[in-house]
Amino acid sequence: MKKILWAMFAVAIVVTILVYDKVPPNKVPLNIDAARLAGNIKILASDEFEGRAPGTMGDEKTINFLKQKFKALGLKPGNGDSYFQGVKMVEITAAPGAVMEIETAEGEMALSYGPEFMGWTQRVTESVAVQDSEMVFVGYGIVAPEYDWNDYADVDVHGKTVVIMVNDPGYATQNSALFTGNAMTYYGRWTYKYEEAARQGAQAVIIIHETKPAAYPWAVVEGSWSGPQFSLESDDGNMTRVVVESWVPGDVMAKIFQAAGLDYQALTTQAATTAFKAISLKAKMSVSLTNQIRRVVSNNVVAVLPGTDRADEYIIHMSHWDHLGRDSSLEGDQIYNGAADNASGTAGLIELANAYLSGEEKPRRSIMFLAVTAEEQGLLGSEYYGKNPIVPLNKTVAAINMDVLAYAGETYDVTIVGYGNSELDDYVDRAVRKQKRIANPDPEPEKGGFYRSDHFSLSKEGVPALYFEGGVNHVKNGRKWMMEQIADYTNNRYHKPSDEYDDSWDMSGAVKDLELMYRIGLRLSQEESFPNWRAGNEFKAKRDAMMKK
């Protein structure tokens, strides 16, 4: 019976592909232009935009630039009569002179802000302090009943400082039967770890930074968590968060373990096993933070191409427009221009709009172009949209997200982060076939990329989503060379002032990927069905429930 079912399934796929392939291509060439794409990236990543931080002059310049572009193309305002969706946020800037004091049996350690610890608070208050808080190592800090895992079992951490490893046990062991093996789960993300520690009643959190499991060097932590930090405005002033959230490098934490007479390597290895039990580090942590507080309204930019006969149903193309702004404490270049991340994706939205408007086949469903704010601050703009959708989520067919477009030329493949999660994969497979390319899953799933970009905010609300990244098999230079380029970007430019536009960039690969996103979005816009998450996916139940309404 199973063989018969599989045969019927295979025939259905072949028939679907054949029907799809018979759809005539546009007679008019797609209006996706590499030079125009590069020109808009260059503008958005220029010093004039000062790194596009929310709540700054760069914010105003960016959202008005996008409004002007979308309006000139003839796209309609996406939020009533406005192209903007206001996002209320609180900006908290900790004074950089803080010192984290660690009292151990062997004496005191003073960790300096920047090279030895990064700390902040999301509580909306002018100062916070943790005094003589017992430090408890809780392994990965995970409570996951579906994996029969609880790092907080048999330990009371109320009022204490929990010390937590980044990523999850599956990555540490490379055991495919543990969590999801090499691929990071949401439990491996620092966002989850801070949230779970708060639920457990901890006073403070220290995440141990190690470059490989974190997927970025300490410089990224230092650059990302210094200066203004944003959170969404809340009625309780975020007082349910822990008092202090922080990171400490692994080599520094190893010294604290040693002072307690504990073997850092042995305990961190044991933490990836069911034999692990939380353990006191026989140390106390103290730190005080003084904050400047500012309330900010930033904006998501929303434009719409109305559909023909199913205009109340939407496909969302999304990308974040923000980056890290300016850091006046830096010597030399102080502007985090964010050319790749994510002036490229923002400019890509403009090209996708040109493609839909120039296409011979008009979408039946409406197409939304959503440029969100504050991704770099924890996906805040997309989180706000997910909780306050302009379009009902049960009328939202899918979200297609891009974050860093390919700028090194064409590849034989394209990367779909989270490939295998939903029926949207079928649309990807058909479209790449037309390009004589292939779709690959994330080549580095251990980095948890699916949980680190804006589609996740809609995914966890139930909306099926695709997240596109550039391919890894370069047409001219091969896979090894391409992986070296990706590693070079991560190590030397990601979240650094050096992420700047370069005239040597080859945007032909980005054009191919944008064509792909357009073809997928167009096909979704012509149909009547709503693709779903695949069986077993954590977001399927929410999607099923909303579609019954």
Protein backbone atom coordinates (compact mmCIF):
# COMPACT_ATOMS: atom_id res chain seq x y z
CA MET A 1 0.00 0.00 0.00
CA LYS A 2 2.81 2.40 0.90
CA LYS A 3 4.47 1.77 -2.46
CA ILE A 4 1.19 2.57 -4.25
CA LEU A 5 0.76 5.77 -2.27
CA TRP A 6 4.32 6.87 -2.99
CA ALA A 7 3.82 6.14 -6.69
CA MET A 8 0.62 8.19 -6.74
CA PHE A 9 2.44 11.00 -4.91
CA ALA A 10 5.29 10.93 -7.43
CA VAL A 11 2.87 11.06 -10.37
CA ALA A 12 1.09 14.01 -8.77
CA ILE A 13 4.38 15.89 -8.45
CA VAL A 14 5.32 15.18 -12.06
CA VAL A 15 1.90 16.32 -13.31
CA THR A 16 2.09 19.48 -11.20
CA ILE A 17 5.55 20.31 -12.53
CA LEU A 18 4.49 19.69 -16.11
CA VAL A 19 1.48 21.96 -15.69
CA TYR A 20 3.66 24.56 -14.06
CA ASP A 21 6.23 24.34 -16.84
CA LYS A 22 3.52 24.95 -19.43
CA VAL A 23 2.75 28.35 -17.94
CA PRO A 24 4.08 30.73 -20.60
CA PRO A 25 6.89 32.99 -19.48
CA ASN A 26 6.51 36.75 -19.61
CA LYS A 27 7.09 38.11 -23.09
CA VAL A 28 8.29 41.31 -21.47
CA PRO A 29 11.71 40.89 -19.78
CA LEU A 30 11.61 41.15 -16.00
CA ASN A 31 12.53 44.60 -14.80
CA ILE A 32 15.18 43.54 -12.27
CA ASP A 33 18.27 45.60 -12.92
CA ALA A 34 21.69 44.88 -11.39
CA ALA A 35 22.94 48.45 -11.82
CA ARG A 36 19.84 49.97 -10.22
CA LEU A 37 20.05 47.44 -7.38
CA ALA A 38 23.70 48.32 -6.75
CA GLY A 39 22.92 52.03 -6.93
CA ASN A 40 20.23 51.81 -4.26
CA ILE A 41 22.47 49.70 -2.02
CA LYS A 42 25.18 52.31 -2.38
CA ILE A 43 22.77 55.06 -1.33
CA LEU A 44 21.30 53.19 1.64
CA ALA A 45 24.76 52.16 2.85
CA SER A 46 26.30 55.59 2.43
CA ASP A 47 27.61 57.60 5.37
CA GLU A 48 24.76 60.03 4.75
CA PHE A 49 22.35 57.43 6.20
CA GLU A 50 24.59 56.98 9.27
CA GLY A 51 24.06 53.25 9.62
CA ARG A 52 20.23 53.37 9.58
CA ALA A 53 19.72 52.96 13.34
CA PRO A 54 16.12 53.21 14.56
CA GLY A 55 15.20 56.53 16.11
CA THR A 56 17.94 58.50 14.36
CA MET A 57 18.27 60.84 11.41
CA GLY A 58 19.27 57.76 9.42
CA ASP A 59 15.92 56.19 10.31
CA GLU A 60 14.01 59.16 8.88
CA LYS A 61 16.12 59.24 5.73
CA THR A 62 15.68 55.51 5.13
CA ILE A 63 11.92 55.26 5.57
CA ASN A 64 11.31 58.36 3.47
CA PHE A 65 13.66 57.05 0.76
CA LEU A 66 11.62 53.84 0.63
CA LYS A 67 8.30 55.67 0.69
CA GLN A 68 9.45 57.82 -2.21
CA LYS A 69 10.59 54.80 -4.23
CA PHE A 70 7.40 52.79 -3.61
CA LYS A 71 5.14 55.76 -4.29
CA ALA A 72 6.96 56.63 -7.52
CA LEU A 73 6.42 53.06 -8.71
CA GLY A 74 2.68 53.40 -8.12
CA LEU A 75 2.42 51.05 -5.16
CA LYS A 76 -0.39 51.82 -2.72
CA PRO A 77 0.13 52.67 0.96
CA GLY A 78 0.00 49.43 2.92
CA ASN A 79 -1.40 50.70 6.22
CA GLY A 80 -4.61 52.50 5.36
CA ASP A 81 -3.53 55.76 3.75
CA SER A 82 0.03 55.51 5.14
CA TYR A 83 3.19 53.78 3.99
CA PHE A 84 4.28 53.53 7.64
CA GLN A 85 3.41 51.32 10.61
CA GLY A 86 4.62 52.96 13.81
CA VAL A 87 6.57 50.74 16.21
CA LYS A 88 6.88 52.08 19.76
CA MET A 89 10.20 51.16 21.33
CA VAL A 90 12.30 52.00 24.35
CA GLU A 91 15.97 52.79 23.80
CA ILE A 92 18.22 52.00 26.76
CA THR A 93 21.89 52.98 26.63
CA ALA A 94 24.12 51.64 29.39
CA ALA A 95 27.11 53.73 30.45
CA PRO A 96 30.18 51.87 29.12
CA GLY A 97 32.31 52.10 32.27
CA ALA A 98 30.59 49.25 34.11
CA VAL A 99 32.66 46.54 35.80
CA MET A 100 31.44 43.03 36.57
CA GLU A 101 32.94 41.86 39.86
CA ILE A 102 33.32 38.17 40.55
CA GLU A 103 34.11 37.06 44.10
CA THR A 104 35.69 33.60 44.29
CA ALA A 105 37.44 31.55 46.97
CA GLU A 106 40.75 32.49 45.35
CA GLY A 107 40.01 36.21 45.34
CA GLU A 108 38.18 38.84 43.30
CA MET A 109 38.09 39.30 39.53
CA ALA A 110 37.07 42.55 37.86
CA LEU A 111 35.78 42.08 34.31
CA SER A 112 36.00 45.18 32.14
CA TYR A 113 33.14 46.27 29.90
CA GLY A 114 33.92 45.38 26.30
CA PRO A 115 36.73 42.83 26.16
CA GLU A 116 35.67 40.75 29.19
CA PHE A 117 31.92 41.15 29.49
CA MET A 118 28.98 42.83 27.79
CA GLY A 119 25.96 43.59 29.95
CA TRP A 120 22.69 45.50 29.72
CA THR A 121 19.15 45.49 31.03
CA GLN A 122 15.81 45.49 29.27
CA ARG A 123 14.12 46.86 32.37
CA VAL A 124 13.03 50.42 31.75
CA THR A 125 14.80 52.10 34.65
CA GLU A 126 17.67 54.54 35.03
CA SER A 127 19.82 52.12 37.03
CA VAL A 128 19.95 48.46 38.00
CA ALA A 129 22.24 46.54 40.30
CA VAL A 130 22.99 42.93 41.15
CA GLN A 131 24.85 42.45 44.42
CA ASP A 132 26.60 39.28 45.60
CA SER A 133 24.40 37.02 43.46
CA GLU A 134 25.33 33.33 43.64
CA MET A 135 26.49 31.99 40.28
CA VAL A 136 24.99 28.68 39.14
CA PHE A 137 26.05 26.83 36.00
CA VAL A 138 22.88 25.43 34.37
CA GLY A 139 24.44 23.96 31.24
CA TYR A 140 22.45 25.01 28.18
CA GLY A 141 19.65 26.56 30.23
CA ILE A 142 16.98 24.61 28.34
CA VAL A 143 13.58 23.28 29.37
CA ALA A 144 12.30 21.17 26.46
CA PRO A 145 9.74 18.49 27.39
CA GLU A 146 9.59 17.19 23.81
CA TYR A 147 13.28 16.34 24.07
CA ASP A 148 12.95 15.12 27.67
CA TRP A 149 15.39 17.83 28.73
CA ASN A 150 15.37 20.13 31.77
CA ASP A 151 18.56 21.90 32.83
CA TYR A 152 16.69 23.57 35.70
CA ALA A 153 15.52 20.31 37.28
CA ASP A 154 16.18 20.04 41.02
CA VAL A 155 17.73 23.51 41.32
CA ASP A 156 16.27 26.77 42.63
CA VAL A 157 17.75 29.76 40.82
CA HIS A 158 15.50 32.46 42.25
CA GLY A 159 17.59 35.57 42.87
CA LYS A 160 20.71 33.93 41.45
CA THR A 161 22.90 34.44 38.40
CA VAL A 162 22.64 31.59 35.92
CA VAL A 163 25.61 30.81 33.68
CA ILE A 164 24.54 29.31 30.35
CA MET A 165 26.22 27.85 27.27
CA VAL A 166 25.21 29.06 23.83
CA ASN A 167 23.64 26.75 21.20
CA ASP A 168 22.22 23.37 22.26
CA PRO A 169 23.36 19.80 23.07
CA GLY A 170 22.71 18.50 19.56
CA TYR A 171 25.37 20.78 18.12
CA ALA A 172 27.85 19.99 20.88
CA THR A 173 27.60 16.22 20.36
CA GLN A 174 26.78 16.16 16.63
CA ASN A 175 24.34 13.41 17.62
CA SER A 176 21.40 13.51 15.18
CA ALA A 177 19.23 11.78 17.79
CA LEU A 178 19.79 14.60 20.32
CA PHE A 179 17.61 17.65 19.69
CA THR A 180 18.18 18.08 15.92
CA GLY A 181 21.84 17.23 15.85
CA ASN A 182 24.06 19.78 14.15
CA ALA A 183 21.13 22.08 13.30
CA MET A 184 20.45 24.60 16.05
CA THR A 185 16.95 24.65 17.53
CA TYR A 186 15.27 27.74 18.97
CA TYR A 187 16.47 26.49 22.38
CA GLY A 188 20.00 27.30 21.25
CA ARG A 189 19.29 30.98 20.68
CA TRP A 190 20.32 33.55 23.27
CA THR A 191 16.85 35.10 23.11
CA TYR A 192 15.30 31.90 24.41
CA LYS A 193 17.91 31.50 27.15
CA TYR A 194 17.25 34.96 28.60
CA GLU A 195 13.49 34.38 28.46
CA GLU A 196 13.66 30.96 30.13
CA ALA A 197 15.96 32.23 32.88
CA ALA A 198 13.39 34.93 33.66
CA ARG A 199 10.65 32.30 33.84
CA GLN A 200 12.82 30.37 36.30
CA GLY A 201 13.16 33.44 38.54
CA ALA A 202 16.85 34.14 37.95
CA GLN A 203 18.17 37.58 38.81
CA ALA A 204 20.82 37.73 36.10
CA VAL A 205 22.12 35.72 33.16
CA ILE A 206 25.62 35.24 31.79
CA ILE A 207 25.86 33.47 28.44
CA ILE A 208 29.26 31.94 27.77
CA HIS A 209 30.57 33.00 24.38
CA GLU A 210 32.46 30.49 22.26
CA THR A 211 32.96 31.45 18.64
CA LYS A 212 31.94 28.21 16.92
CA PRO A 213 28.66 27.48 18.73
CA ALA A 214 27.72 31.18 18.74
CA ALA A 215 28.57 31.39 14.99
CA TYR A 216 30.37 34.72 15.34
CA PRO A 217 33.46 36.09 17.11
CA TRP A 218 33.46 38.11 20.34
CA ALA A 219 33.78 41.34 18.33
CA VAL A 220 30.21 40.83 17.11
CA VAL A 221 28.95 40.57 20.71
CA GLU A 222 30.92 43.67 21.65
CA GLY A 223 29.66 45.65 18.67
CA SER A 224 26.05 44.48 18.82
CA TRP A 225 25.44 44.97 22.54
CA SER A 226 27.23 48.25 23.14
CA GLY A 227 25.46 51.54 22.67
CA PRO A 228 21.67 51.95 22.44
CA GLN A 229 19.62 48.77 22.91
CA PHE A 230 15.96 48.64 21.95
CA SER A 231 12.93 46.74 23.15
CA LEU A 232 9.26 47.04 22.34
CA GLU A 233 7.29 49.33 24.63
CA SER A 234 5.41 47.29 27.25
CA ASP A 235 2.88 48.13 29.94
CA ASP A 236 5.06 46.73 32.75
CA GLY A 237 8.33 48.38 31.69
CA ASN A 238 9.83 44.94 30.98
CA MET A 239 10.07 44.28 34.72
CA THR A 240 9.48 40.57 34.15
CA ARG A 241 12.91 40.33 32.47
CA VAL A 242 15.97 39.41 34.52
CA VAL A 243 17.77 42.38 36.03
CA VAL A 244 20.96 41.98 33.96
CA GLU A 245 21.51 40.10 30.70
CA SER A 246 25.13 39.57 29.69
CA TRP A 247 27.81 37.66 27.81
CA VAL A 248 31.29 36.62 28.98
CA PRO A 249 34.01 35.06 26.77
CA GLY A 250 34.72 31.37 27.33
CA ASP A 251 38.36 31.87 28.32
CA VAL A 252 37.31 34.31 31.05
CA MET A 253 34.60 31.96 32.31
CA ALA A 254 37.12 29.09 32.40
CA LYS A 255 39.12 31.09 34.96
CA ILE A 256 36.02 31.45 37.15
CA PHE A 257 35.44 27.68 36.98
CA GLN A 258 39.09 27.09 37.86
CA ALA A 259 38.83 29.38 40.89
CA ALA A 260 35.95 27.21 42.10
CA GLY A 261 38.04 24.07 41.66
CA LEU A 262 35.94 22.97 38.70
CA ASP A 263 37.04 21.61 35.33
CA TYR A 264 35.55 23.91 32.69
CA GLN A 265 36.11 21.53 29.80
CA ALA A 266 34.73 18.51 31.63
CA LEU A 267 31.60 20.30 32.88
CA THR A 268 30.77 21.95 29.58
CA THR A 269 31.12 18.56 27.89
CA GLN A 270 28.92 16.90 30.51
CA ALA A 271 26.30 19.61 29.99
CA ALA A 272 25.42 17.97 26.66
CA THR A 273 24.40 14.75 28.40
CA THR A 274 21.40 13.71 30.48
CA ALA A 275 23.77 13.04 33.38
CA PHE A 276 24.38 16.78 33.85
CA LYS A 277 23.10 18.52 36.96
CA ALA A 278 23.24 22.25 37.63
CA ILE A 279 26.13 23.18 39.91
CA SER A 280 27.11 26.21 41.98
CA LEU A 281 30.30 27.93 40.85
CA LYS A 282 31.01 28.93 44.47
CA ALA A 283 31.26 32.50 43.26
CA LYS A 284 29.23 35.67 43.59
CA MET A 285 28.58 38.25 40.88
CA SER A 286 27.99 41.98 41.32
CA VAL A 287 27.39 44.62 38.67
CA SER A 288 25.72 48.02 38.43
CA LEU A 289 24.43 49.64 35.25
CA THR A 290 23.47 53.26 34.73
CA ASN A 291 21.14 53.89 31.82
CA GLN A 292 19.95 56.65 29.57
CA ILE A 293 16.35 56.08 28.52
CA ARG A 294 14.67 57.38 25.41
CA ARG A 295 11.31 56.45 23.93
CA VAL A 296 11.34 56.09 20.18
CA VAL A 297 8.77 55.54 17.47
CA SER A 298 10.37 53.89 14.46
CA ASN A 299 8.47 52.58 11.46
CA ASN A 300 7.95 49.55 9.34
CA VAL A 301 7.50 50.63 5.71
CA VAL A 302 4.55 48.94 4.00
CA ALA A 303 3.53 49.19 0.33
CA VAL A 304 1.03 47.09 -1.60
CA LEU A 305 0.34 46.04 -5.17
CA PRO A 306 -3.39 45.14 -5.04
CA GLY A 307 -4.41 41.83 -6.54
CA THR A 308 -7.12 41.40 -9.13
CA ASP A 309 -9.88 39.04 -7.94
CA ARG A 310 -8.40 37.76 -4.62
CA ALA A 311 -7.09 41.08 -3.32
CA ASP A 312 -7.93 40.33 0.33
CA GLU A 313 -5.26 37.59 0.35
CA TYR A 314 -1.59 38.56 0.56
CA ILE A 315 1.91 37.36 -0.19
CA ILE A 316 4.50 39.30 1.82
CA HIS A 317 7.99 40.05 0.53
CA MET A 318 9.99 41.29 3.49
CA SER A 319 13.39 42.57 4.48
CA HIS A 320 14.78 44.69 7.31
CA TRP A 321 16.00 48.21 6.55
CA ASP A 322 17.88 48.94 9.79
CA HIS A 323 21.47 48.44 10.91
CA LEU A 324 23.59 49.43 13.92
CA GLY A 325 24.02 53.16 13.34
CA ARG A 326 27.01 55.14 14.57
CA ASP A 327 29.32 54.52 17.52
CA SER A 328 31.07 57.76 18.45
CA SER A 329 33.38 55.93 20.89
CA LEU A 330 35.19 54.15 18.04
CA GLU A 331 38.44 55.43 16.62
CA GLY A 332 38.45 55.90 12.86
CA ASP A 333 35.33 54.70 11.04
CA GLN A 334 32.37 55.04 13.40
CA ILE A 335 29.52 54.15 11.03
CA TYR A 336 28.09 50.66 10.74
CA ASN A 337 26.97 51.09 7.13
CA GLY A 338 25.38 47.63 6.82
CA ALA A 339 25.77 47.39 3.06
CA ALA A 340 25.27 43.65 2.80
CA ASP A 341 23.26 43.53 6.03
CA ASN A 342 20.79 44.70 4.95
CA ALA A 343 20.90 47.58 2.50
CA SER A 344 21.10 44.81 -0.08
CA GLY A 345 17.80 43.18 0.90
CA THR A 346 16.11 46.55 1.28
CA ALA A 347 17.14 47.52 -2.23
CA GLY A 348 15.98 44.08 -3.32
CA LEU A 349 12.40 44.93 -2.30
CA ILE A 350 12.46 47.82 -4.77
CA GLU A 351 13.61 45.48 -7.54
CA LEU A 352 10.88 42.96 -6.71
CA ALA A 353 8.31 45.74 -6.95
CA ASN A 354 9.69 46.63 -10.40
CA ALA A 355 9.39 42.98 -11.43
CA TYR A 356 5.74 42.66 -10.43
CA LEU A 357 4.82 45.96 -12.05
CA SER A 358 6.57 45.07 -15.31
CA GLY A 359 5.32 41.49 -15.49
CA GLU A 360 2.78 40.54 -18.09
CA GLU A 361 0.94 38.26 -15.66
CA LYS A 362 -0.85 40.29 -12.98
CA PRO A 363 -1.17 38.79 -9.48
CA ARG A 364 -4.64 37.74 -8.40
CA ARG A 365 -3.63 38.05 -4.76
CA SER A 366 -2.17 41.26 -3.34
CA ILE A 367 1.59 41.61 -2.93
CA MET A 368 2.88 43.38 0.18
CA PHE A 369 6.39 44.83 0.34
CA LEU A 370 7.32 45.05 4.02
CA ALA A 371 10.57 46.72 5.12
CA VAL A 372 10.80 46.25 8.89
CA THR A 373 12.72 48.15 11.52
CA ALA A 374 14.90 47.04 14.44
CA GLU A 375 15.85 43.57 13.21
CA GLU A 376 19.31 44.09 14.64
CA GLN A 377 17.75 44.74 18.05
CA GLY A 378 16.03 41.35 18.20
CA LEU A 379 13.56 41.25 15.26
CA LEU A 380 11.47 43.97 16.92
CA GLY A 381 9.83 45.47 13.84
CA SER A 382 8.74 42.11 12.48
CA GLU A 383 7.69 40.97 15.97
CA TYR A 384 5.47 44.03 16.21
CA TYR A 385 3.97 43.28 12.80
CA GLY A 386 3.41 39.64 13.77
CA LYS A 387 1.50 40.72 16.88
CA ASN A 388 -0.25 43.62 15.15
CA PRO A 389 -0.72 42.45 11.56
CA ILE A 390 -2.14 44.90 9.07
CA VAL A 391 -3.56 41.96 7.11
CA PRO A 392 -5.22 39.08 9.00
CA LEU A 393 -2.74 36.23 9.33
CA ASN A 394 -5.29 33.72 8.02
CA LYS A 395 -5.38 35.82 4.85
CA THR A 396 -1.58 35.89 4.63
CA VAL A 397 -0.55 33.14 2.22
CA ALA A 398 3.19 33.23 2.86
CA ALA A 399 6.14 35.42 3.78
CA ILE A 400 9.29 35.52 1.64
CA ASN A 401 12.25 37.04 3.47
CA MET A 402 15.69 38.13 2.31
CA ASP A 403 18.56 39.20 4.53
CA VAL A 404 21.90 39.79 2.75
CA LEU A 405 21.72 39.33 -1.02
CA ALA A 406 24.43 37.59 -3.03
CA TYR A 407 27.08 40.10 -4.11
CA ALA A 408 29.84 37.79 -5.37
CA GLY A 409 28.25 36.70 -8.65
CA GLU A 410 26.13 33.80 -9.82
CA THR A 411 25.86 30.40 -8.16
CA TYR A 412 24.51 27.08 -9.32
CA ASP A 413 22.34 26.96 -6.23
CA VAL A 414 20.35 29.05 -3.77
CA THR A 415 20.15 28.58 -0.01
CA ILE A 416 16.78 28.20 1.69
CA VAL A 417 17.23 28.48 5.44
CA GLY A 418 14.72 26.12 7.01
CA TYR A 419 14.31 24.10 3.82
CA GLY A 420 12.03 21.14 4.54
CA ASN A 421 9.76 23.00 6.96
CA SER A 422 6.80 23.72 4.72
CA GLU A 423 5.03 23.05 1.45
CA LEU A 424 6.60 26.25 0.12
CA ASP A 425 9.63 24.08 -0.68
CA ASP A 426 7.64 22.67 -3.61
CA TYR A 427 7.32 26.15 -5.11
CA VAL A 428 11.05 26.69 -4.67
CA ASP A 429 11.89 23.40 -6.37
CA ARG A 430 9.74 24.17 -9.40
CA ALA A 431 11.10 27.69 -9.76
CA VAL A 432 14.78 26.74 -9.47
CA ARG A 433 14.19 24.04 -12.05
CA LYS A 434 13.24 26.77 -14.52
CA GLN A 435 16.58 28.46 -13.78
CA LYS A 436 18.49 25.16 -14.09
CA ARG A 437 19.68 25.61 -10.53
CA ILE A 438 19.11 23.70 -7.30
CA ALA A 439 17.82 24.66 -3.87
CA ASN A 440 19.93 23.71 -0.88
CA PRO A 441 19.16 23.72 2.82
CA ASP A 442 21.25 25.95 5.06
CA PRO A 443 24.88 24.72 4.76
CA GLU A 444 25.51 25.90 8.33
CA PRO A 445 22.36 24.92 10.28
CA GLU A 446 24.37 24.97 13.51
CA LYS A 447 24.18 28.78 13.37
CA GLY A 448 20.42 28.75 13.88
CA GLY A 449 19.78 31.05 10.93
CA PHE A 450 16.07 30.22 10.77
CA TYR A 451 15.56 31.89 14.15
CA ARG A 452 17.71 34.93 13.42
CA SER A 453 15.81 36.82 10.73
CA ASP A 454 12.44 38.47 10.38
CA HIS A 455 10.45 35.65 8.81
CA PHE A 456 10.67 33.92 12.21
CA SER A 457 8.39 36.56 13.74
CA LEU A 458 5.67 35.55 11.29
CA SER A 459 6.52 31.85 11.41
CA LYS A 460 5.93 31.61 15.14
CA GLU A 461 2.54 33.23 14.56
CA GLY A 462 1.78 30.41 12.11
CA VAL A 463 2.49 31.95 8.68
CA PRO A 464 4.57 29.68 6.37
CA ALA A 465 7.77 31.45 5.36
CA LEU A 466 10.81 31.17 3.14
CA TYR A 467 14.16 32.70 3.99
CA PHE A 468 16.52 33.18 1.05
CA GLU A 469 20.29 33.45 1.21
CA GLY A 470 22.84 33.30 -1.58
CA GLY A 471 24.10 30.00 -2.91
CA VAL A 472 27.39 28.32 -1.97
CA ASN A 473 28.50 26.80 -5.29
CA HIS A 474 29.92 29.67 -7.35
CA VAL A 475 29.62 29.36 -11.14
CA LYS A 476 33.19 30.54 -11.82
CA ASN A 477 35.07 29.70 -8.61
CA GLY A 478 33.31 26.73 -7.04
CA ARG A 479 32.04 25.86 -3.58
CA LYS A 480 35.29 26.07 -1.59
CA TRP A 481 35.95 29.61 -2.79
CA MET A 482 32.37 30.67 -2.02
CA MET A 483 32.48 29.25 1.50
CA GLU A 484 35.73 31.15 2.05
CA GLN A 485 34.00 34.38 1.00
CA ILE A 486 31.15 33.72 3.42
CA ALA A 487 33.59 33.00 6.25
CA ASP A 488 35.57 36.13 5.43
CA TYR A 489 32.41 38.24 5.62
CA THR A 490 31.38 36.69 8.96
CA ASN A 491 34.80 37.16 10.50
CA ASN A 492 35.74 40.56 9.11
CA ARG A 493 32.66 42.56 8.15
CA TYR A 494 29.52 41.16 9.79
CA HIS A 495 28.24 43.77 12.28
CA LYS A 496 31.36 45.85 11.82
CA PRO A 497 31.93 49.30 10.25
CA SER A 498 33.70 47.48 7.41
CA ASP A 499 30.39 46.19 5.98
CA GLU A 500 30.47 48.81 3.22
CA TYR A 501 29.45 48.83 -0.42
CA ASP A 502 32.23 48.04 -2.89
CA ASP A 503 32.08 48.89 -6.59
CA SER A 504 33.61 45.48 -7.32
CA TRP A 505 30.45 43.71 -6.16
CA ASP A 506 28.88 41.49 -8.81
CA MET A 507 25.10 41.65 -8.37
CA SER A 508 24.28 39.10 -11.09
CA GLY A 509 23.72 36.41 -8.47
CA ALA A 510 21.35 38.67 -6.55
CA VAL A 511 19.37 39.30 -9.75
CA LYS A 512 18.96 35.53 -10.24
CA ASP A 513 17.77 35.11 -6.65
CA LEU A 514 15.33 38.01 -6.94
CA GLU A 515 13.94 36.51 -10.14
CA LEU A 516 13.42 33.30 -8.19
CA MET A 517 11.58 35.06 -5.36
CA TYR A 518 9.41 36.86 -7.89
CA ARG A 519 8.48 33.63 -9.70
CA ILE A 520 7.56 31.96 -6.41
CA GLY A 521 5.54 34.93 -5.20
CA LEU A 522 3.77 35.27 -8.54
CA ARG A 523 2.83 31.60 -8.61
CA LEU A 524 1.45 31.82 -5.07
CA SER A 525 -0.50 34.90 -6.08
CA GLN A 526 -2.25 33.05 -8.93
CA GLU A 527 -3.54 30.18 -6.81
CA GLU A 528 -6.39 29.65 -4.38
CA SER A 529 -4.73 27.22 -1.97
CA PHE A 530 -2.82 28.10 1.20
CA PRO A 531 0.46 26.17 1.61
CA ASN A 532 1.00 24.82 5.11
CA TRP A 533 3.82 23.71 7.37
CA ARG A 534 4.77 20.07 7.04
CA ALA A 535 3.58 17.52 9.57
CA GLY A 536 5.63 17.64 12.76
CA ASN A 537 6.66 21.27 12.37
CA GLU A 538 6.30 23.33 15.55
CA PHE A 539 4.29 26.05 13.80
CA LYS A 540 1.71 23.83 12.07
CA ALA A 541 -0.79 23.67 14.93
CA LYS A 542 -1.07 27.45 15.06
CA ARG A 543 -1.57 27.65 11.29
CA ASP A 544 -4.20 24.91 11.35
CA ALA A 545 -6.10 26.70 14.12
CA MET A 546 -6.12 30.08 12.38
CA MET A 547 -7.27 28.63 9.06
CA LYS A 548 -10.40 27.21 10.72
CA LYS A 549 -11.59 30.71 11.60
